[in-house]
Amino acid sequence: MKIKQRLKEDLKKYLFKKQEEEQNKVTIRSAYKLAEEELKSIVELFPELKGKEVAQIIDDSLIAGVVIQQGSKVRDLSLKSQLMSLEQRINEIA
């Protein structure tokens, strides 16, 4: 099946637009609701987050810390991931 050139171009534009929208969205997961000052501090620590749309999700399984997701990029700064990493290292040694 042959796809018309115009349809290809429209699809390409649509996908680029969606990708750009996703890059402008940031999701911050934390164990509790963060205060505005805490959110501002996180954005200041990561300059690439400035000017982005920030959504907050509460995930009590994290114990403490945050997980920052922007598009496909994830920064896991949670205590849960650190404990899992420690457990993995202990199991490798034992």
Protein backbone atom coordinates (compact mmCIF):
# COMPACT_ATOMS: atom_id res chain seq x y z
CA MET A 1 0.00 0.00 0.00
CA LYS A 2 1.40 3.36 -1.02
CA ILE A 3 0.89 6.34 1.29
CA LYS A 4 0.35 9.77 -0.24
CA GLN A 5 3.14 12.29 0.27
CA ARG A 6 0.82 14.85 1.89
CA LEU A 7 -0.37 12.28 4.41
CA LYS A 8 3.24 11.43 5.25
CA GLU A 9 4.04 15.09 5.81
CA ASP A 10 0.95 15.63 7.96
CA LEU A 11 1.79 12.58 10.04
CA LYS A 12 5.38 13.74 10.46
CA LYS A 13 4.25 17.21 11.60
CA TYR A 14 1.77 15.66 14.04
CA LEU A 15 4.40 13.37 15.55
CA PHE A 16 6.92 16.20 15.92
CA LYS A 17 4.26 18.33 17.62
CA LYS A 18 3.35 15.50 20.03
CA GLN A 19 7.02 14.89 20.80
CA GLU A 20 7.53 18.58 21.55
CA GLU A 21 4.46 18.62 23.82
CA GLU A 22 5.81 15.60 25.72
CA GLN A 23 9.18 17.30 26.17
CA ASN A 24 7.41 20.30 27.73
CA LYS A 25 5.70 18.11 30.33
CA VAL A 26 7.44 17.06 33.51
CA THR A 27 6.06 14.59 36.02
CA ILE A 28 7.43 14.56 39.54
CA ARG A 29 6.48 11.55 41.66
CA SER A 30 7.02 11.81 45.38
CA ALA A 31 6.02 9.96 48.55
CA TYR A 32 3.97 12.95 49.71
CA LYS A 33 2.54 16.17 48.29
CA LEU A 34 5.37 18.61 47.77
CA ALA A 35 5.01 22.24 48.80
CA GLU A 36 5.44 24.92 46.14
CA GLU A 37 8.86 25.82 47.57
CA GLU A 38 9.99 22.19 47.28
CA LEU A 39 8.86 22.05 43.65
CA LYS A 40 10.67 25.32 42.92
CA SER A 41 13.84 23.93 44.52
CA ILE A 42 13.69 20.83 42.31
CA VAL A 43 13.22 22.95 39.18
CA GLU A 44 16.18 25.13 40.22
CA LEU A 45 18.37 22.03 40.64
CA PHE A 46 17.58 20.93 37.09
CA PRO A 47 17.71 23.98 34.78
CA GLU A 48 16.29 22.01 31.84
CA LEU A 49 12.96 21.83 33.74
CA LYS A 50 12.50 25.61 33.82
CA GLY A 51 9.49 26.78 31.88
CA LYS A 52 8.02 23.28 31.64
CA GLU A 53 4.54 22.17 32.69
CA VAL A 54 5.03 20.30 36.00
CA ALA A 55 2.57 17.68 37.25
CA GLN A 56 2.90 16.04 40.63
CA ILE A 57 1.95 12.44 41.42
CA ILE A 58 1.95 11.03 44.92
CA ASP A 59 3.43 7.53 45.15
CA ASP A 60 3.87 6.40 48.76
CA SER A 61 5.84 3.33 47.64
CA LEU A 62 8.83 5.64 47.04
CA ILE A 63 9.32 6.06 50.83
CA ALA A 64 11.20 9.35 50.28
CA GLY A 65 12.77 11.33 47.46
CA VAL A 66 11.42 11.97 43.98
CA VAL A 67 11.28 10.49 40.49
CA ILE A 68 11.41 13.10 37.73
CA GLN A 69 10.19 12.16 34.26
CA GLN A 70 10.48 14.38 31.21
CA GLY A 71 9.51 12.61 28.01
CA SER A 72 11.44 9.34 27.98
CA LYS A 73 14.11 10.64 30.38
CA VAL A 74 13.74 9.49 34.01
CA ARG A 75 15.76 10.58 37.04
CA ASP A 76 15.09 8.28 39.97
CA LEU A 77 16.18 10.01 43.17
CA SER A 78 13.96 7.96 45.46
CA LEU A 79 14.95 6.08 48.59
CA LYS A 80 13.17 3.02 47.19
CA SER A 81 15.54 2.81 44.20
CA GLN A 82 18.58 3.38 46.40
CA LEU A 83 17.50 0.56 48.74
CA MET A 84 16.87 -1.73 45.76
CA SER A 85 20.33 -0.91 44.41
CA LEU A 86 21.90 -1.64 47.80
CA GLU A 87 20.00 -4.94 48.02
CA GLN A 88 21.26 -5.88 44.55
CA ARG A 89 24.87 -5.14 45.51
CA ILE A 90 24.55 -7.17 48.71
CA ASN A 91 23.13 -10.11 46.76
CA GLU A 92 26.00 -9.92 44.27
CA ILE A 93 28.56 -10.06 47.08
CA ALA A 94 26.85 -12.91 48.96
